[in-house]
Amino acid sequence: PLVGHVQIARAAGRHEPDASGPDYPKLFAE
């Protein structure tokens, strides 16, 4: 309810998002 903007990056190395953590396919659905 407080969120005004969302950003993403893979936790390991701050690279492209994937399912390795965080699980981005799941989070996009959420």
PDB file of all heavy atoms in Angstrom:
ATOM      1  N   PRO A   1       0.801  -1.234   0.000  1.00  0.00           N
ATOM      2  CA  PRO A   1       0.000   0.000   0.000  1.00  0.00           C
ATOM      3  C   PRO A   1       0.833   1.283   0.000  1.00  0.00           C
ATOM      4  O   PRO A   1       0.316   2.351  -0.355  1.00  0.00           O
ATOM      5  CB  PRO A   1      -0.828  -0.123   1.284  1.00  0.00           C
ATOM      6  CG  PRO A   1      -0.942  -1.592   1.509  1.00  0.00           C
ATOM      7  CD  PRO A   1       0.393  -2.150   1.094  1.00  0.00           C
ATOM      8  N   LEU A   2       2.106   1.187   0.383  1.00  0.00           N
ATOM      9  CA  LEU A   2       2.974   2.364   0.432  1.00  0.00           C
ATOM     10  C   LEU A   2       3.834   2.521  -0.825  1.00  0.00           C
ATOM     11  O   LEU A   2       4.497   3.540  -0.996  1.00  0.00           O
ATOM     12  CB  LEU A   2       3.903   2.284   1.643  1.00  0.00           C
ATOM     13  CG  LEU A   2       3.263   2.070   3.019  1.00  0.00           C
ATOM     14  CD1 LEU A   2       4.346   2.000   4.082  1.00  0.00           C
ATOM     15  CD2 LEU A   2       2.265   3.171   3.331  1.00  0.00           C
ATOM     16  N   VAL A   3       3.843   1.512  -1.687  1.00  0.00           N
ATOM     17  CA  VAL A   3       4.810   1.456  -2.793  1.00  0.00           C
ATOM     18  C   VAL A   3       4.432   2.422  -3.911  1.00  0.00           C
ATOM     19  O   VAL A   3       3.301   2.432  -4.397  1.00  0.00           O
ATOM     20  CB  VAL A   3       4.908   0.020  -3.341  1.00  0.00           C
ATOM     21  CG1 VAL A   3       5.748  -0.024  -4.614  1.00  0.00           C
ATOM     22  CG2 VAL A   3       5.523  -0.898  -2.280  1.00  0.00           C
ATOM     23  N   GLY A   4       5.425   3.218  -4.333  1.00  0.00           N
ATOM     24  CA  GLY A   4       5.240   4.136  -5.448  1.00  0.00           C
ATOM     25  C   GLY A   4       6.060   3.789  -6.667  1.00  0.00           C
ATOM     26  O   GLY A   4       5.817   4.316  -7.752  1.00  0.00           O
ATOM     27  N   HIS A   5       7.055   2.923  -6.503  1.00  0.00           N
ATOM     28  CA  HIS A   5       7.899   2.520  -7.628  1.00  0.00           C
ATOM     29  C   HIS A   5       8.619   1.242  -7.228  1.00  0.00           C
ATOM     30  O   HIS A   5       8.907   1.019  -6.048  1.00  0.00           O
ATOM     31  CB  HIS A   5       8.921   3.613  -7.962  1.00  0.00           C
ATOM     32  CG  HIS A   5       9.729   3.358  -9.203  1.00  0.00           C
ATOM     33  ND1 HIS A   5       9.156   3.189 -10.435  1.00  0.00           N
ATOM     34  CD2 HIS A   5      11.073   3.240  -9.396  1.00  0.00           C
ATOM     35  CE1 HIS A   5      10.108   2.998 -11.345  1.00  0.00           C
ATOM     36  NE2 HIS A   5      11.275   3.010 -10.738  1.00  0.00           N
ATOM     37  N   VAL A   6       8.898   0.403  -8.226  1.00  0.00           N
ATOM     38  CA  VAL A   6       9.562  -0.881  -8.008  1.00  0.00           C
ATOM     39  C   VAL A   6      10.814  -0.942  -8.862  1.00  0.00           C
ATOM     40  O   VAL A   6      10.825  -0.445 -10.007  1.00  0.00           O
ATOM     41  CB  VAL A   6       8.619  -2.050  -8.364  1.00  0.00           C
ATOM     42  CG1 VAL A   6       9.347  -3.390  -8.316  1.00  0.00           C
ATOM     43  CG2 VAL A   6       7.406  -2.076  -7.426  1.00  0.00           C
ATOM     44  N   GLN A   7      11.880  -1.526  -8.321  1.00  0.00           N
ATOM     45  CA  GLN A   7      13.113  -1.753  -9.081  1.00  0.00           C
ATOM     46  C   GLN A   7      13.579  -3.189  -8.868  1.00  0.00           C
ATOM     47  O   GLN A   7      13.247  -3.822  -7.875  1.00  0.00           O
ATOM     48  CB  GLN A   7      14.209  -0.764  -8.661  1.00  0.00           C
ATOM     49  CG  GLN A   7      13.907   0.673  -9.073  1.00  0.00           C
ATOM     50  CD  GLN A   7      14.950   1.643  -8.572  1.00  0.00           C
ATOM     51  OE1 GLN A   7      15.411   1.553  -7.440  1.00  0.00           O
ATOM     52  NE2 GLN A   7      15.309   2.600  -9.402  1.00  0.00           N
ATOM     53  N   ILE A   8      14.397  -3.658  -9.811  1.00  0.00           N
ATOM     54  CA  ILE A   8      14.812  -5.059  -9.792  1.00  0.00           C
ATOM     55  C   ILE A   8      16.286  -5.209 -10.143  1.00  0.00           C
ATOM     56  O   ILE A   8      16.872  -4.368 -10.828  1.00  0.00           O
ATOM     57  CB  ILE A   8      13.983  -5.911 -10.772  1.00  0.00           C
ATOM     58  CG1 ILE A   8      14.141  -5.390 -12.220  1.00  0.00           C
ATOM     59  CG2 ILE A   8      12.521  -5.954 -10.354  1.00  0.00           C
ATOM     60  CD1 ILE A   8      13.504  -6.279 -13.280  1.00  0.00           C
ATOM     61  N   ALA A   9      16.872  -6.298  -9.661  1.00  0.00           N
ATOM     62  CA  ALA A   9      18.186  -6.802 -10.061  1.00  0.00           C
ATOM     63  C   ALA A   9      18.391  -8.128  -9.349  1.00  0.00           C
ATOM     64  O   ALA A   9      17.865  -8.346  -8.249  1.00  0.00           O
ATOM     65  CB  ALA A   9      19.316  -5.827  -9.698  1.00  0.00           C
ATOM     66  N   ARG A  10      19.137  -9.007  -9.949  1.00  0.00           N
ATOM     67  CA  ARG A  10      19.503 -10.265  -9.302  1.00  0.00           C
ATOM     68  C   ARG A  10      20.369  -9.970  -8.083  1.00  0.00           C
ATOM     69  O   ARG A  10      21.233  -9.085  -8.109  1.00  0.00           O
ATOM     70  CB  ARG A  10      20.267 -11.134 -10.297  1.00  0.00           C
ATOM     71  CG  ARG A  10      20.565 -12.551  -9.808  1.00  0.00           C
ATOM     72  CD  ARG A  10      21.619 -13.250 -10.660  1.00  0.00           C
ATOM     73  NE  ARG A  10      21.493 -12.958 -12.072  1.00  0.00           N
ATOM     74  CZ  ARG A  10      22.468 -13.157 -12.959  1.00  0.00           C
ATOM     75  NH1 ARG A  10      23.642 -13.644 -12.567  1.00  0.00           N
ATOM     76  NH2 ARG A  10      22.287 -12.869 -14.227  1.00  0.00           N
ATOM     77  N   ALA A  11      20.176 -10.695  -7.006  1.00  0.00           N
ATOM     78  CA  ALA A  11      20.950 -10.457  -5.795  1.00  0.00           C
ATOM     79  C   ALA A  11      22.437 -10.716  -6.009  1.00  0.00           C
ATOM     80  O   ALA A  11      23.284  -9.945  -5.541  1.00  0.00           O
ATOM     81  CB  ALA A  11      20.425 -11.318  -4.652  1.00  0.00           C
ATOM     82  N   ALA A  12      22.761 -11.785  -6.717  1.00  0.00           N
ATOM     83  CA  ALA A  12      24.169 -12.124  -6.969  1.00  0.00           C
ATOM     84  C   ALA A  12      24.724 -11.246  -8.082  1.00  0.00           C
ATOM     85  O   ALA A  12      24.373 -11.407  -9.249  1.00  0.00           O
ATOM     86  CB  ALA A  12      24.287 -13.594  -7.351  1.00  0.00           C
ATOM     87  N   GLY A  13      25.553 -10.287  -7.707  1.00  0.00           N
ATOM     88  CA  GLY A  13      26.232  -9.456  -8.689  1.00  0.00           C
ATOM     89  C   GLY A  13      25.446  -8.282  -9.217  1.00  0.00           C
ATOM     90  O   GLY A  13      25.962  -7.498 -10.011  1.00  0.00           O
ATOM     91  N   ARG A  14      24.204  -8.133  -8.807  1.00  0.00           N
ATOM     92  CA  ARG A  14      23.319  -7.063  -9.289  1.00  0.00           C
ATOM     93  C   ARG A  14      23.194  -7.102 -10.828  1.00  0.00           C
ATOM     94  O   ARG A  14      23.243  -6.081 -11.505  1.00  0.00           O
ATOM     95  CB  ARG A  14      23.801  -5.688  -8.825  1.00  0.00           C
ATOM     96  CG  ARG A  14      22.687  -4.644  -8.833  1.00  0.00           C
ATOM     97  CD  ARG A  14      23.088  -3.348  -8.156  1.00  0.00           C
ATOM     98  NE  ARG A  14      21.940  -2.474  -8.008  1.00  0.00           N
ATOM     99  CZ  ARG A  14      21.942  -1.324  -7.333  1.00  0.00           C
ATOM    100  NH1 ARG A  14      23.048  -0.921  -6.738  1.00  0.00           N
ATOM    101  NH2 ARG A  14      20.852  -0.597  -7.254  1.00  0.00           N
ATOM    102  N   HIS A  15      22.999  -8.311 -11.339  1.00  0.00           N
ATOM    103  CA  HIS A  15      22.892  -8.512 -12.787  1.00  0.00           C
ATOM    104  C   HIS A  15      21.430  -8.704 -13.198  1.00  0.00           C
ATOM    105  O   HIS A  15      20.511  -8.398 -12.431  1.00  0.00           O
ATOM    106  CB  HIS A  15      23.741  -9.707 -13.202  1.00  0.00           C
ATOM    107  CG  HIS A  15      25.205  -9.534 -12.946  1.00  0.00           C
ATOM    108  ND1 HIS A  15      25.897  -8.399 -13.287  1.00  0.00           N
ATOM    109  CD2 HIS A  15      26.117 -10.368 -12.374  1.00  0.00           C
ATOM    110  CE1 HIS A  15      27.169  -8.522 -12.945  1.00  0.00           C
ATOM    111  NE2 HIS A  15      27.327  -9.713 -12.390  1.00  0.00           N
ATOM    112  N   GLU A  16      21.232  -9.224 -14.409  1.00  0.00           N
ATOM    113  CA  GLU A  16      19.909  -9.441 -14.966  1.00  0.00           C
ATOM    114  C   GLU A  16      19.035 -10.267 -14.025  1.00  0.00           C
ATOM    115  O   GLU A  16      19.514 -11.203 -13.383  1.00  0.00           O
ATOM    116  CB  GLU A  16      20.011 -10.157 -16.315  1.00  0.00           C
ATOM    117  CG  GLU A  16      20.548  -9.296 -17.447  1.00  0.00           C
ATOM    118  CD  GLU A  16      22.062  -9.259 -17.525  1.00  0.00           C
ATOM    119  OE1 GLU A  16      22.729  -9.739 -16.573  1.00  0.00           O
ATOM    120  OE2 GLU A  16      22.594  -8.746 -18.517  1.00  0.00           O
ATOM    121  N   PRO A  17      17.739  -9.945 -13.935  1.00  0.00           N
ATOM    122  CA  PRO A  17      16.840 -10.690 -13.052  1.00  0.00           C
ATOM    123  C   PRO A  17      16.586 -12.098 -13.576  1.00  0.00           C
ATOM    124  O   PRO A  17      16.467 -12.323 -14.780  1.00  0.00           O
ATOM    125  CB  PRO A  17      15.550  -9.866 -13.098  1.00  0.00           C
ATOM    126  CG  PRO A  17      15.591  -9.174 -14.427  1.00  0.00           C
ATOM    127  CD  PRO A  17      17.042  -8.876 -14.674  1.00  0.00           C
ATOM    128  N   ASP A  18      16.512 -13.052 -12.657  1.00  0.00           N
ATOM    129  CA  ASP A  18      16.168 -14.432 -12.995  1.00  0.00           C
ATOM    130  C   ASP A  18      15.504 -15.053 -11.773  1.00  0.00           C
ATOM    131  O   ASP A  18      15.042 -14.350 -10.878  1.00  0.00           O
ATOM    132  CB  ASP A  18      17.394 -15.221 -13.472  1.00  0.00           C
ATOM    133  CG  ASP A  18      18.516 -15.293 -12.439  1.00  0.00           C
ATOM    134  OD1 ASP A  18      18.245 -15.058 -11.234  1.00  0.00           O
ATOM    135  OD2 ASP A  18      19.667 -15.585 -12.810  1.00  0.00           O
ATOM    136  N   ALA A  19      15.453 -16.360 -11.715  1.00  0.00           N
ATOM    137  CA  ALA A  19      14.785 -17.039 -10.600  1.00  0.00           C
ATOM    138  C   ALA A  19      15.735 -17.404  -9.467  1.00  0.00           C
ATOM    139  O   ALA A  19      15.319 -18.015  -8.480  1.00  0.00           O
ATOM    140  CB  ALA A  19      14.086 -18.299 -11.111  1.00  0.00           C
ATOM    141  N   SER A  20      17.005 -16.988  -9.557  1.00  0.00           N
ATOM    142  CA  SER A  20      18.006 -17.442  -8.590  1.00  0.00           C
ATOM    143  C   SER A  20      17.906 -16.737  -7.253  1.00  0.00           C
ATOM    144  O   SER A  20      18.487 -17.171  -6.270  1.00  0.00           O
ATOM    145  CB  SER A  20      19.412 -17.254  -9.172  1.00  0.00           C
ATOM    146  OG  SER A  20      19.711 -15.879  -9.329  1.00  0.00           O
ATOM    147  N   GLY A  21      17.200 -15.652  -7.196  1.00  0.00           N
ATOM    148  CA  GLY A  21      17.052 -14.907  -5.954  1.00  0.00           C
ATOM    149  C   GLY A  21      17.325 -13.421  -6.157  1.00  0.00           C
ATOM    150  O   GLY A  21      18.432 -13.084  -6.520  1.00  0.00           O
ATOM    151  N   PRO A  22      16.252 -12.621  -5.972  1.00  0.00           N
ATOM    152  CA  PRO A  22      14.869 -13.039  -5.778  1.00  0.00           C
ATOM    153  C   PRO A  22      14.311 -13.796  -6.991  1.00  0.00           C
ATOM    154  O   PRO A  22      14.857 -13.693  -8.087  1.00  0.00           O
ATOM    155  CB  PRO A  22      14.124 -11.713  -5.596  1.00  0.00           C
ATOM    156  CG  PRO A  22      15.172 -10.690  -5.280  1.00  0.00           C
ATOM    157  CD  PRO A  22      16.409 -11.159  -5.968  1.00  0.00           C
ATOM    158  N   ASP A  23      13.193 -14.494  -6.777  1.00  0.00           N
ATOM    159  CA  ASP A  23      12.559 -15.268  -7.841  1.00  0.00           C
ATOM    160  C   ASP A  23      11.677 -14.327  -8.656  1.00  0.00           C
ATOM    161  O   ASP A  23      10.497 -14.133  -8.355  1.00  0.00           O
ATOM    162  CB  ASP A  23      11.734 -16.404  -7.231  1.00  0.00           C
ATOM    163  CG  ASP A  23      11.124 -17.315  -8.277  1.00  0.00           C
ATOM    164  OD1 ASP A  23      11.077 -16.931  -9.458  1.00  0.00           O
ATOM    165  OD2 ASP A  23      10.685 -18.416  -7.907  1.00  0.00           O
ATOM    166  N   TYR A  24      12.259 -13.750  -9.717  1.00  0.00           N
ATOM    167  CA  TYR A  24      11.538 -12.700 -10.440  1.00  0.00           C
ATOM    168  C   TYR A  24      10.328 -13.176 -11.220  1.00  0.00           C
ATOM    169  O   TYR A  24       9.294 -12.472 -11.215  1.00  0.00           O
ATOM    170  CB  TYR A  24      12.502 -11.904 -11.317  1.00  0.00           C
ATOM    171  CG  TYR A  24      13.270 -10.913 -10.472  1.00  0.00           C
ATOM    172  CD1 TYR A  24      14.609 -11.094 -10.177  1.00  0.00           C
ATOM    173  CD2 TYR A  24      12.621  -9.826  -9.905  1.00  0.00           C
ATOM    174  CE1 TYR A  24      15.295 -10.206  -9.361  1.00  0.00           C
ATOM    175  CE2 TYR A  24      13.289  -8.928  -9.091  1.00  0.00           C
ATOM    176  CZ  TYR A  24      14.630  -9.123  -8.826  1.00  0.00           C
ATOM    177  OH  TYR A  24      15.288  -8.240  -8.005  1.00  0.00           O
ATOM    178  N   PRO A  25      10.342 -14.311 -11.892  1.00  0.00           N
ATOM    179  CA  PRO A  25       9.089 -14.739 -12.532  1.00  0.00           C
ATOM    180  C   PRO A  25       7.923 -14.776 -11.545  1.00  0.00           C
ATOM    181  O   PRO A  25       6.809 -14.343 -11.851  1.00  0.00           O
ATOM    182  CB  PRO A  25       9.441 -16.120 -13.081  1.00  0.00           C
ATOM    183  CG  PRO A  25      10.911 -16.048 -13.348  1.00  0.00           C
ATOM    184  CD  PRO A  25      11.470 -15.222 -12.224  1.00  0.00           C
ATOM    185  N   LYS A  26       8.181 -15.285 -10.348  1.00  0.00           N
ATOM    186  CA  LYS A  26       7.146 -15.321  -9.314  1.00  0.00           C
ATOM    187  C   LYS A  26       6.767 -13.907  -8.864  1.00  0.00           C
ATOM    188  O   LYS A  26       5.579 -13.581  -8.714  1.00  0.00           O
ATOM    189  CB  LYS A  26       7.639 -16.139  -8.122  1.00  0.00           C
ATOM    190  CG  LYS A  26       6.681 -16.170  -6.938  1.00  0.00           C
ATOM    191  CD  LYS A  26       7.300 -16.921  -5.754  1.00  0.00           C
ATOM    192  CE  LYS A  26       6.384 -16.850  -4.535  1.00  0.00           C
ATOM    193  NZ  LYS A  26       7.008 -17.498  -3.339  1.00  0.00           N
ATOM    194  N   LEU A  27       7.751 -13.048  -8.676  1.00  0.00           N
ATOM    195  CA  LEU A  27       7.480 -11.699  -8.189  1.00  0.00           C
ATOM    196  C   LEU A  27       6.744 -10.858  -9.223  1.00  0.00           C
ATOM    197  O   LEU A  27       5.891 -10.042  -8.869  1.00  0.00           O
ATOM    198  CB  LEU A  27       8.787 -11.023  -7.782  1.00  0.00           C
ATOM    199  CG  LEU A  27       9.380 -11.548  -6.469  1.00  0.00           C
ATOM    200  CD1 LEU A  27      10.835 -11.127  -6.336  1.00  0.00           C
ATOM    201  CD2 LEU A  27       8.570 -11.047  -5.272  1.00  0.00           C
ATOM    202  N   PHE A  28       7.027 -11.056 -10.501  1.00  0.00           N
ATOM    203  CA  PHE A  28       6.296 -10.326 -11.535  1.00  0.00           C
ATOM    204  C   PHE A  28       4.815 -10.724 -11.502  1.00  0.00           C
ATOM    205  O   PHE A  28       3.919  -9.878 -11.644  1.00  0.00           O
ATOM    206  CB  PHE A  28       6.884 -10.598 -12.916  1.00  0.00           C
ATOM    207  CG  PHE A  28       8.278 -10.056 -13.109  1.00  0.00           C
ATOM    208  CD1 PHE A  28       9.113 -10.608 -14.072  1.00  0.00           C
ATOM    209  CD2 PHE A  28       8.756  -9.007 -12.343  1.00  0.00           C
ATOM    210  CE1 PHE A  28      10.399 -10.119 -14.257  1.00  0.00           C
ATOM    211  CE2 PHE A  28      10.039  -8.505 -12.522  1.00  0.00           C
ATOM    212  CZ  PHE A  28      10.866  -9.069 -13.489  1.00  0.00           C
ATOM    213  N   ALA A  29       4.540 -12.006 -11.309  1.00  0.00           N
ATOM    214  CA  ALA A  29       3.159 -12.473 -11.195  1.00  0.00           C
ATOM    215  C   ALA A  29       2.491 -11.877  -9.958  1.00  0.00           C
ATOM    216  O   ALA A  29       1.300 -11.512  -9.984  1.00  0.00           O
ATOM    217  CB  ALA A  29       3.111 -13.992 -11.149  1.00  0.00           C
ATOM    218  N   GLU A  30       3.256 -11.755  -8.872  1.00  0.00           N
ATOM    219  CA  GLU A  30       2.698 -11.182  -7.649  1.00  0.00           C
ATOM    220  C   GLU A  30       2.389  -9.692  -7.820  1.00  0.00           C
ATOM    221  O   GLU A  30       1.376  -9.197  -7.302  1.00  0.00           O
ATOM    222  CB  GLU A  30       3.662 -11.407  -6.487  1.00  0.00           C
ATOM    223  CG  GLU A  30       3.740 -12.867  -6.057  1.00  0.00           C
ATOM    224  CD  GLU A  30       4.731 -13.108  -4.940  1.00  0.00           C
ATOM    225  OE1 GLU A  30       5.335 -12.132  -4.458  1.00  0.00           O
ATOM    226  OE2 GLU A  30       4.907 -14.277  -4.549  1.00  0.00           O
TER     227      GLU A  30
END
